[in-house]
């Protein structure tokens, strides 16, 4: 895969990091929504919201570490 560079920036890495930031934020937001609606269904407010928010945060951290390994391994 060719590396796209302009003005010294590797745009493939920039795009990867941008996509990662969106993915990390969305995983937490999706966890909040799932937890909130599960709480409304089971009448357990706020416990499932907290659990699913934490799960979304953990998922985003794990994904950050995976992408960090990929981006960090491309150093030359």
N, C-alpha and C. Protein backbone atom coordinates (compact mmCIF):
# COMPACT_ATOMS: atom_id res chain seq x y z
N UNK A 1 0.85 -1.17 0.00
CA UNK A 1 0.00 0.00 0.00
C UNK A 1 0.90 1.23 0.00
N UNK A 2 0.72 2.12 -0.97
CA UNK A 2 1.55 3.32 -1.03
C UNK A 2 1.20 4.30 0.08
N UNK A 3 2.21 5.00 0.55
CA UNK A 3 2.01 5.99 1.61
C UNK A 3 1.72 7.34 0.95
N UNK A 4 0.63 7.96 1.36
CA UNK A 4 0.23 9.25 0.82
C UNK A 4 0.78 10.33 1.74
N UNK A 5 1.70 11.13 1.22
CA UNK A 5 2.28 12.20 2.03
C UNK A 5 2.17 13.52 1.28
N UNK A 6 2.00 14.57 2.03
CA UNK A 6 1.97 15.92 1.50
C UNK A 6 2.36 16.84 2.64
N UNK A 7 3.33 17.67 2.41
CA UNK A 7 3.84 18.59 3.42
C UNK A 7 4.34 17.85 4.66
N UNK A 8 4.83 16.64 4.49
CA UNK A 8 5.41 15.89 5.59
C UNK A 8 4.42 15.10 6.43
N UNK A 9 3.12 15.12 6.08
CA UNK A 9 2.12 14.38 6.84
C UNK A 9 1.82 13.06 6.15
N UNK A 10 1.71 12.02 6.93
CA UNK A 10 1.27 10.73 6.43
C UNK A 10 -0.24 10.70 6.62
N UNK A 11 -0.97 10.91 5.56
CA UNK A 11 -2.42 11.07 5.66
C UNK A 11 -3.14 9.77 5.99
N UNK A 12 -2.53 8.64 5.74
CA UNK A 12 -3.15 7.38 6.13
C UNK A 12 -3.18 7.27 7.65
N UNK A 13 -2.10 7.67 8.30
CA UNK A 13 -2.09 7.64 9.77
C UNK A 13 -3.05 8.67 10.34
N UNK A 14 -3.11 9.85 9.73
CA UNK A 14 -4.02 10.89 10.18
C UNK A 14 -5.46 10.41 10.06
N UNK A 15 -5.80 9.76 8.95
CA UNK A 15 -7.15 9.25 8.76
C UNK A 15 -7.46 8.13 9.76
N UNK A 16 -6.47 7.29 10.05
CA UNK A 16 -6.66 6.22 11.02
C UNK A 16 -6.93 6.79 12.40
N UNK A 17 -6.18 7.79 12.79
CA UNK A 17 -6.34 8.41 14.11
C UNK A 17 -7.68 9.14 14.19
N UNK A 18 -8.08 9.79 13.11
CA UNK A 18 -9.37 10.48 13.09
C UNK A 18 -10.52 9.48 13.23
N UNK A 19 -10.46 8.38 12.48
CA UNK A 19 -11.49 7.35 12.57
C UNK A 19 -11.52 6.74 13.97
N UNK A 20 -10.36 6.59 14.57
CA UNK A 20 -10.29 6.03 15.92
C UNK A 20 -10.95 6.95 16.93
N UNK A 21 -10.75 8.24 16.80
CA UNK A 21 -11.36 9.17 17.75
C UNK A 21 -12.89 9.13 17.64
N UNK A 22 -13.40 9.01 16.44
CA UNK A 22 -14.85 8.90 16.26
C UNK A 22 -15.35 7.58 16.85
N UNK A 23 -14.62 6.50 16.58
CA UNK A 23 -15.01 5.19 17.08
C UNK A 23 -15.00 5.14 18.61
N UNK A 24 -14.00 5.75 19.22
CA UNK A 24 -13.90 5.75 20.68
C UNK A 24 -15.07 6.53 21.30
N UNK A 25 -15.38 7.66 20.74
CA UNK A 25 -16.50 8.45 21.27
C UNK A 25 -17.84 7.76 21.07
N UNK A 26 -18.02 7.15 19.92
CA UNK A 26 -19.28 6.49 19.65
C UNK A 26 -19.50 5.25 20.51
N UNK A 27 -18.42 4.56 20.85
CA UNK A 27 -18.60 3.36 21.68
C UNK A 27 -19.13 3.74 23.07
N UNK A 28 -18.69 4.86 23.60
CA UNK A 28 -19.19 5.32 24.90
C UNK A 28 -20.64 5.79 24.77
N UNK A 29 -20.94 6.54 23.71
CA UNK A 29 -22.30 7.05 23.51
C UNK A 29 -23.28 5.89 23.30
N UNK A 30 -22.89 4.90 22.52
CA UNK A 30 -23.76 3.74 22.30
C UNK A 30 -23.98 3.00 23.62
N UNK A 31 -22.93 2.88 24.43
CA UNK A 31 -23.09 2.25 25.74
C UNK A 31 -24.07 3.00 26.62
N UNK A 32 -24.02 4.31 26.58
CA UNK A 32 -24.95 5.13 27.37
C UNK A 32 -26.39 4.89 26.90
N UNK A 33 -26.62 4.91 25.59
CA UNK A 33 -27.98 4.71 25.08
C UNK A 33 -28.51 3.32 25.39
N UNK A 34 -27.68 2.30 25.18
CA UNK A 34 -28.13 0.93 25.48
C UNK A 34 -28.46 0.80 26.96
N UNK A 35 -27.58 1.32 27.81
CA UNK A 35 -27.82 1.24 29.25
C UNK A 35 -29.05 2.00 29.68
N UNK A 36 -29.26 3.17 29.10
CA UNK A 36 -30.42 3.98 29.48
C UNK A 36 -31.73 3.27 29.13
N UNK A 37 -31.80 2.76 27.90
CA UNK A 37 -33.04 2.11 27.49
C UNK A 37 -33.23 0.76 28.19
N UNK A 38 -32.14 0.07 28.52
CA UNK A 38 -32.26 -1.16 29.31
C UNK A 38 -32.75 -0.82 30.72
N UNK A 39 -32.26 0.28 31.28
CA UNK A 39 -32.74 0.73 32.59
C UNK A 39 -34.23 1.06 32.57
N UNK A 40 -34.67 1.72 31.51
CA UNK A 40 -36.10 2.04 31.41
C UNK A 40 -36.93 0.77 31.30
N UNK A 41 -36.41 -0.22 30.58
CA UNK A 41 -37.16 -1.46 30.39
C UNK A 41 -37.22 -2.28 31.68
N UNK A 42 -36.08 -2.38 32.38
CA UNK A 42 -36.02 -3.20 33.59
C UNK A 42 -36.26 -2.41 34.88
N UNK A 43 -36.46 -1.09 34.78
CA UNK A 43 -36.70 -0.21 35.94
C UNK A 43 -35.56 -0.30 36.96
N UNK A 44 -34.33 -0.17 36.47
CA UNK A 44 -33.15 -0.27 37.34
C UNK A 44 -32.28 0.98 37.29
N UNK A 45 -32.85 2.10 36.88
CA UNK A 45 -32.08 3.33 36.71
C UNK A 45 -31.25 3.63 37.95
N UNK A 46 -30.00 3.92 37.92
CA UNK A 46 -29.04 4.19 36.86
C UNK A 46 -28.05 3.05 36.64
N UNK A 47 -28.30 1.86 37.16
CA UNK A 47 -27.26 0.83 37.21
C UNK A 47 -26.84 0.31 35.85
N UNK A 48 -27.77 -0.01 35.00
CA UNK A 48 -27.37 -0.53 33.69
C UNK A 48 -26.73 0.55 32.83
N UNK A 49 -27.15 1.78 33.03
CA UNK A 49 -26.50 2.88 32.31
C UNK A 49 -25.03 2.96 32.70
N UNK A 50 -24.74 2.85 33.98
CA UNK A 50 -23.35 2.88 34.43
C UNK A 50 -22.56 1.69 33.91
N UNK A 51 -23.16 0.51 33.92
CA UNK A 51 -22.47 -0.69 33.46
C UNK A 51 -22.14 -0.59 31.98
N UNK A 52 -23.11 -0.21 31.16
CA UNK A 52 -22.88 -0.13 29.73
C UNK A 52 -21.98 1.04 29.34
N UNK A 53 -22.01 2.12 30.10
CA UNK A 53 -21.08 3.22 29.86
C UNK A 53 -19.65 2.76 30.13
N UNK A 54 -19.46 2.03 31.22
CA UNK A 54 -18.12 1.50 31.53
C UNK A 54 -17.67 0.51 30.47
N UNK A 55 -18.57 -0.35 30.01
CA UNK A 55 -18.21 -1.29 28.95
C UNK A 55 -17.83 -0.57 27.65
N UNK A 56 -18.55 0.49 27.32
CA UNK A 56 -18.20 1.29 26.14
C UNK A 56 -16.84 1.95 26.29
N UNK A 57 -16.55 2.44 27.50
CA UNK A 57 -15.25 3.06 27.75
C UNK A 57 -14.13 2.03 27.63
N UNK A 58 -14.34 0.85 28.21
CA UNK A 58 -13.33 -0.21 28.13
C UNK A 58 -13.11 -0.62 26.67
N UNK A 59 -14.19 -0.74 25.91
CA UNK A 59 -14.06 -1.09 24.50
C UNK A 59 -13.26 -0.04 23.74
N UNK A 60 -13.48 1.23 24.05
CA UNK A 60 -12.73 2.29 23.35
C UNK A 60 -11.26 2.27 23.73
N UNK A 61 -10.94 1.98 24.99
CA UNK A 61 -9.54 1.92 25.41
C UNK A 61 -8.83 0.73 24.75
N UNK A 62 -9.51 -0.41 24.68
CA UNK A 62 -8.92 -1.58 24.03
C UNK A 62 -8.66 -1.28 22.56
N UNK A 63 -9.61 -0.65 21.90
CA UNK A 63 -9.43 -0.31 20.48
C UNK A 63 -8.32 0.72 20.30
N UNK A 64 -8.20 1.68 21.22
CA UNK A 64 -7.10 2.65 21.16
C UNK A 64 -5.76 1.95 21.25
N UNK A 65 -5.64 0.97 22.12
CA UNK A 65 -4.38 0.25 22.26
C UNK A 65 -4.07 -0.57 21.01
N UNK A 66 -5.08 -1.18 20.40
CA UNK A 66 -4.87 -1.95 19.18
C UNK A 66 -4.38 -1.05 18.05
N UNK A 67 -5.04 0.07 17.85
CA UNK A 67 -4.64 1.00 16.78
C UNK A 67 -3.29 1.61 17.10
N UNK A 68 -3.02 1.88 18.36
CA UNK A 68 -1.71 2.42 18.75
C UNK A 68 -0.58 1.47 18.38
N UNK A 69 -0.80 0.18 18.55
CA UNK A 69 0.21 -0.79 18.15
C UNK A 69 0.41 -0.78 16.65
N UNK A 70 -0.69 -0.67 15.89
CA UNK A 70 -0.59 -0.67 14.43
C UNK A 70 0.12 0.59 13.95
N UNK A 71 -0.27 1.74 14.45
CA UNK A 71 0.34 3.00 14.02
C UNK A 71 1.79 3.07 14.50
N UNK A 72 2.06 2.60 15.69
CA UNK A 72 3.42 2.64 16.23
C UNK A 72 4.37 1.67 15.54
N UNK A 73 3.85 0.60 14.99
CA UNK A 73 4.71 -0.39 14.34
C UNK A 73 5.15 0.05 12.95
N UNK A 74 4.55 1.11 12.41
CA UNK A 74 4.91 1.57 11.08
C UNK A 74 6.11 2.51 11.08
N UNK A 75 6.74 2.72 12.22
CA UNK A 75 7.89 3.64 12.28
C UNK A 75 9.05 3.06 11.48
N UNK A 76 9.72 3.94 10.77
CA UNK A 76 10.88 3.50 9.97
C UNK A 76 12.09 4.32 10.31
